[in-house]
Amino acid sequence: MLGPDEELKHDVLIKSRKRMEMTGISDVSSFDEAEIVVQTENSGVSIEGENLKIEKFNSENGELILNGSINGLFYYAKKTTRKKKGITDIFK
């Protein structure tokens, strides 16, 4: 376990857009087959794709491994739970 003054190092490795290995992940906020939202110490990260599955998540060392067809990786300045808006929400 990390001490109070230590941050998790964050790295991303994508293999052929089919497998992603990440370090420095503090939490998995939400997940389904189309999007996985995770938290680092400094930001939220959204992974979008198809047939996404979490193979492994270790909250103690911050390791996350996922498989599926990876279409995008997006960082957010602040931690987020990121809720998608539907077309009806846009025109309210």
N, C-alpha and C. Protein backbone atom coordinates (compact mmCIF):
# COMPACT_ATOMS: atom_id res chain seq x y z
N MET A 1 0.84 -1.18 0.00
CA MET A 1 0.00 0.00 0.00
C MET A 1 0.88 1.24 0.00
N LEU A 2 0.45 2.27 -0.70
CA LEU A 2 1.22 3.50 -0.81
C LEU A 2 1.01 4.38 0.41
N GLY A 3 2.05 5.14 0.75
CA GLY A 3 1.95 6.09 1.84
C GLY A 3 1.18 7.32 1.41
N PRO A 4 0.87 8.23 2.36
CA PRO A 4 0.04 9.40 2.04
C PRO A 4 0.67 10.38 1.07
N ASP A 5 2.00 10.41 0.97
CA ASP A 5 2.67 11.36 0.07
C ASP A 5 3.06 10.74 -1.27
N GLU A 6 2.69 9.48 -1.51
CA GLU A 6 3.05 8.80 -2.75
C GLU A 6 1.87 8.75 -3.71
N GLU A 7 2.15 8.95 -4.99
CA GLU A 7 1.13 8.81 -6.03
C GLU A 7 1.37 7.53 -6.80
N LEU A 8 0.29 6.96 -7.31
CA LEU A 8 0.43 5.81 -8.19
C LEU A 8 0.98 6.28 -9.53
N LYS A 9 1.97 5.60 -10.06
CA LYS A 9 2.48 5.89 -11.39
C LYS A 9 1.45 5.38 -12.39
N HIS A 10 1.17 6.17 -13.42
CA HIS A 10 0.14 5.81 -14.40
C HIS A 10 0.77 5.56 -15.77
N ASP A 11 0.59 4.34 -16.28
CA ASP A 11 1.06 3.97 -17.62
C ASP A 11 -0.05 3.24 -18.35
N VAL A 12 -0.02 3.32 -19.69
CA VAL A 12 -1.00 2.63 -20.54
C VAL A 12 -0.25 1.90 -21.64
N LEU A 13 -0.61 0.64 -21.86
CA LEU A 13 -0.06 -0.15 -22.96
C LEU A 13 -1.25 -0.76 -23.70
N ILE A 14 -1.38 -0.43 -25.00
CA ILE A 14 -2.45 -0.98 -25.83
C ILE A 14 -1.81 -1.91 -26.85
N LYS A 15 -2.30 -3.14 -26.89
CA LYS A 15 -1.76 -4.14 -27.81
C LYS A 15 -2.78 -4.44 -28.90
N SER A 16 -2.48 -4.00 -30.12
CA SER A 16 -3.31 -4.26 -31.31
C SER A 16 -4.78 -3.86 -31.13
N ARG A 17 -5.03 -2.86 -30.32
CA ARG A 17 -6.39 -2.37 -30.04
C ARG A 17 -7.31 -3.47 -29.52
N LYS A 18 -6.74 -4.55 -28.98
CA LYS A 18 -7.53 -5.67 -28.45
C LYS A 18 -7.31 -5.89 -26.96
N ARG A 19 -6.21 -5.39 -26.42
CA ARG A 19 -5.87 -5.60 -25.02
C ARG A 19 -5.23 -4.32 -24.48
N MET A 20 -5.62 -3.93 -23.27
CA MET A 20 -5.05 -2.75 -22.65
C MET A 20 -4.59 -3.10 -21.24
N GLU A 21 -3.39 -2.67 -20.92
CA GLU A 21 -2.84 -2.83 -19.58
C GLU A 21 -2.59 -1.44 -19.04
N MET A 22 -3.12 -1.15 -17.86
CA MET A 22 -2.96 0.16 -17.25
C MET A 22 -2.44 0.00 -15.83
N THR A 23 -1.64 0.95 -15.40
CA THR A 23 -1.22 1.03 -14.00
C THR A 23 -1.64 2.39 -13.46
N GLY A 24 -1.65 2.52 -12.15
CA GLY A 24 -2.01 3.79 -11.53
C GLY A 24 -3.51 4.01 -11.44
N ILE A 25 -4.29 2.94 -11.51
CA ILE A 25 -5.75 3.06 -11.43
C ILE A 25 -6.18 2.90 -9.98
N SER A 26 -6.89 3.90 -9.47
CA SER A 26 -7.33 3.85 -8.07
C SER A 26 -8.73 3.28 -7.92
N ASP A 27 -9.55 3.34 -8.98
CA ASP A 27 -10.92 2.86 -8.86
C ASP A 27 -11.52 2.63 -10.25
N VAL A 28 -12.46 1.71 -10.33
CA VAL A 28 -13.26 1.52 -11.54
C VAL A 28 -14.64 2.10 -11.21
N SER A 29 -14.99 3.23 -11.86
CA SER A 29 -16.26 3.92 -11.57
C SER A 29 -17.46 3.23 -12.18
N SER A 30 -17.31 2.79 -13.43
CA SER A 30 -18.41 2.10 -14.10
C SER A 30 -17.85 1.29 -15.26
N PHE A 31 -18.61 0.28 -15.67
CA PHE A 31 -18.17 -0.51 -16.80
C PHE A 31 -19.34 -1.25 -17.43
N ASP A 32 -19.27 -1.36 -18.74
CA ASP A 32 -20.15 -2.23 -19.51
C ASP A 32 -19.38 -2.59 -20.78
N GLU A 33 -20.01 -3.25 -21.71
CA GLU A 33 -19.30 -3.72 -22.90
C GLU A 33 -18.89 -2.60 -23.84
N ALA A 34 -19.46 -1.39 -23.67
CA ALA A 34 -19.16 -0.27 -24.56
C ALA A 34 -18.23 0.77 -23.94
N GLU A 35 -18.16 0.85 -22.61
CA GLU A 35 -17.34 1.88 -21.97
C GLU A 35 -16.94 1.44 -20.57
N ILE A 36 -15.69 1.70 -20.25
CA ILE A 36 -15.18 1.49 -18.90
C ILE A 36 -14.62 2.83 -18.43
N VAL A 37 -15.07 3.29 -17.25
CA VAL A 37 -14.60 4.55 -16.69
C VAL A 37 -13.81 4.23 -15.43
N VAL A 38 -12.55 4.70 -15.41
CA VAL A 38 -11.68 4.45 -14.26
C VAL A 38 -11.14 5.78 -13.73
N GLN A 39 -10.55 5.72 -12.54
CA GLN A 39 -9.99 6.90 -11.91
C GLN A 39 -8.50 6.69 -11.66
N THR A 40 -7.71 7.73 -11.95
CA THR A 40 -6.31 7.77 -11.54
C THR A 40 -6.26 8.74 -10.36
N GLU A 41 -5.10 9.01 -9.85
CA GLU A 41 -4.98 9.96 -8.75
C GLU A 41 -5.38 11.37 -9.18
N ASN A 42 -5.22 11.69 -10.47
CA ASN A 42 -5.43 13.06 -10.94
C ASN A 42 -6.60 13.26 -11.89
N SER A 43 -7.15 12.19 -12.45
CA SER A 43 -8.19 12.40 -13.46
C SER A 43 -9.03 11.15 -13.65
N GLY A 44 -10.10 11.34 -14.40
CA GLY A 44 -10.91 10.22 -14.84
C GLY A 44 -10.47 9.82 -16.23
N VAL A 45 -10.65 8.54 -16.56
CA VAL A 45 -10.28 8.03 -17.87
C VAL A 45 -11.42 7.17 -18.39
N SER A 46 -11.83 7.41 -19.63
CA SER A 46 -12.88 6.64 -20.27
C SER A 46 -12.26 5.83 -21.40
N ILE A 47 -12.53 4.53 -21.39
CA ILE A 47 -12.10 3.65 -22.47
C ILE A 47 -13.36 3.23 -23.20
N GLU A 48 -13.45 3.53 -24.49
CA GLU A 48 -14.63 3.19 -25.27
C GLU A 48 -14.29 2.12 -26.29
N GLY A 49 -15.27 1.25 -26.57
CA GLY A 49 -15.04 0.19 -27.52
C GLY A 49 -16.22 -0.75 -27.61
N GLU A 50 -15.95 -1.98 -28.00
CA GLU A 50 -16.98 -3.00 -28.15
C GLU A 50 -16.51 -4.27 -27.45
N ASN A 51 -17.45 -4.96 -26.84
CA ASN A 51 -17.16 -6.22 -26.13
C ASN A 51 -16.04 -6.07 -25.10
N LEU A 52 -16.02 -4.92 -24.41
CA LEU A 52 -14.99 -4.68 -23.41
C LEU A 52 -15.25 -5.54 -22.18
N LYS A 53 -14.19 -6.14 -21.66
CA LYS A 53 -14.27 -6.97 -20.47
C LYS A 53 -13.05 -6.72 -19.60
N ILE A 54 -13.28 -6.57 -18.30
CA ILE A 54 -12.17 -6.42 -17.37
C ILE A 54 -11.64 -7.81 -17.05
N GLU A 55 -10.39 -8.05 -17.40
CA GLU A 55 -9.75 -9.33 -17.11
C GLU A 55 -9.22 -9.35 -15.67
N LYS A 56 -8.65 -8.19 -15.25
CA LYS A 56 -8.05 -8.13 -13.92
C LYS A 56 -8.05 -6.70 -13.43
N PHE A 57 -8.40 -6.50 -12.16
CA PHE A 57 -8.24 -5.20 -11.51
C PHE A 57 -7.74 -5.45 -10.10
N ASN A 58 -6.59 -4.87 -9.79
CA ASN A 58 -6.01 -4.99 -8.46
C ASN A 58 -5.93 -3.58 -7.87
N SER A 59 -6.81 -3.29 -6.91
CA SER A 59 -6.86 -1.95 -6.33
C SER A 59 -5.65 -1.64 -5.45
N GLU A 60 -4.96 -2.67 -4.98
CA GLU A 60 -3.80 -2.42 -4.12
C GLU A 60 -2.60 -1.92 -4.90
N ASN A 61 -2.36 -2.47 -6.09
CA ASN A 61 -1.21 -1.98 -6.88
C ASN A 61 -1.64 -1.14 -8.08
N GLY A 62 -2.95 -0.96 -8.30
CA GLY A 62 -3.45 -0.09 -9.35
C GLY A 62 -3.40 -0.67 -10.75
N GLU A 63 -3.29 -1.99 -10.86
CA GLU A 63 -3.19 -2.63 -12.17
C GLU A 63 -4.58 -2.98 -12.72
N LEU A 64 -4.80 -2.65 -13.99
CA LEU A 64 -6.04 -2.99 -14.69
C LEU A 64 -5.67 -3.59 -16.04
N ILE A 65 -6.29 -4.72 -16.37
CA ILE A 65 -6.12 -5.34 -17.68
C ILE A 65 -7.51 -5.55 -18.26
N LEU A 66 -7.71 -5.11 -19.51
CA LEU A 66 -9.00 -5.32 -20.15
C LEU A 66 -8.80 -5.81 -21.57
N ASN A 67 -9.83 -6.48 -22.07
CA ASN A 67 -9.82 -7.03 -23.43
C ASN A 67 -11.07 -6.56 -24.16
N GLY A 68 -11.00 -6.54 -25.48
CA GLY A 68 -12.12 -6.16 -26.32
C GLY A 68 -11.61 -5.35 -27.50
N SER A 69 -12.51 -4.77 -28.24
CA SER A 69 -12.15 -3.91 -29.36
C SER A 69 -12.09 -2.47 -28.86
N ILE A 70 -10.90 -1.92 -28.72
CA ILE A 70 -10.70 -0.60 -28.12
C ILE A 70 -10.76 0.46 -29.22
N ASN A 71 -11.73 1.38 -29.08
CA ASN A 71 -11.92 2.44 -30.07
C ASN A 71 -11.40 3.80 -29.62
N GLY A 72 -11.31 4.03 -28.30
CA GLY A 72 -10.87 5.34 -27.84
C GLY A 72 -10.50 5.34 -26.38
N LEU A 73 -9.61 6.28 -26.03
CA LEU A 73 -9.15 6.48 -24.67
C LEU A 73 -9.20 7.98 -24.41
N PHE A 74 -9.95 8.41 -23.40
CA PHE A 74 -10.16 9.83 -23.15
C PHE A 74 -9.88 10.16 -21.70
N TYR A 75 -9.11 11.23 -21.48
CA TYR A 75 -8.80 11.70 -20.13
C TYR A 75 -9.66 12.92 -19.81
N TYR A 76 -10.01 13.05 -18.53
CA TYR A 76 -10.77 14.19 -18.04
C TYR A 76 -9.94 14.88 -16.98
N ALA A 77 -9.95 16.21 -16.97
CA ALA A 77 -9.12 16.98 -16.06
C ALA A 77 -9.38 16.64 -14.59
N LYS A 78 -10.61 16.36 -14.25
CA LYS A 78 -10.96 16.03 -12.87
C LYS A 78 -11.54 14.63 -12.83
N LYS A 79 -11.53 14.05 -11.65
CA LYS A 79 -12.16 12.74 -11.49
C LYS A 79 -13.62 12.85 -11.86
N THR A 80 -14.16 11.82 -12.51
CA THR A 80 -15.52 11.87 -13.02
C THR A 80 -16.17 10.51 -12.98
N THR A 81 -17.49 10.51 -12.95
CA THR A 81 -18.23 9.26 -13.15
C THR A 81 -18.78 9.24 -14.55
N ARG A 82 -18.66 10.33 -15.27
CA ARG A 82 -19.05 10.51 -16.67
C ARG A 82 -20.35 9.79 -17.03
N LYS A 83 -21.40 10.56 -17.12
CA LYS A 83 -22.68 10.02 -17.56
C LYS A 83 -22.93 10.47 -18.98
N LYS A 84 -23.27 9.54 -19.84
CA LYS A 84 -23.56 9.88 -21.23
C LYS A 84 -24.94 10.52 -21.31
N LYS A 85 -25.05 11.51 -22.17
CA LYS A 85 -26.34 12.15 -22.40
C LYS A 85 -26.98 11.55 -23.65
N GLY A 86 -28.24 11.30 -23.55
CA GLY A 86 -28.99 10.82 -24.70
C GLY A 86 -29.50 11.97 -25.53
N ILE A 87 -30.05 11.69 -26.68
CA ILE A 87 -30.54 12.72 -27.57
C ILE A 87 -31.67 13.54 -26.92
N THR A 88 -32.47 12.91 -26.08
CA THR A 88 -33.55 13.65 -25.40
C THR A 88 -33.00 14.63 -24.38
N ASP A 89 -31.84 14.35 -23.77
CA ASP A 89 -31.23 15.26 -22.81
C ASP A 89 -30.68 16.51 -23.49
N ILE A 90 -30.24 16.39 -24.72
CA ILE A 90 -29.64 17.51 -25.44
C ILE A 90 -30.68 18.59 -25.73
N PHE A 91 -31.91 18.21 -26.04
CA PHE A 91 -32.93 19.17 -26.44
C PHE A 91 -33.84 19.61 -25.32
N LYS A 92 -33.48 19.40 -24.07
CA LYS A 92 -34.30 19.86 -22.93
C LYS A 92 -34.12 21.32 -22.69
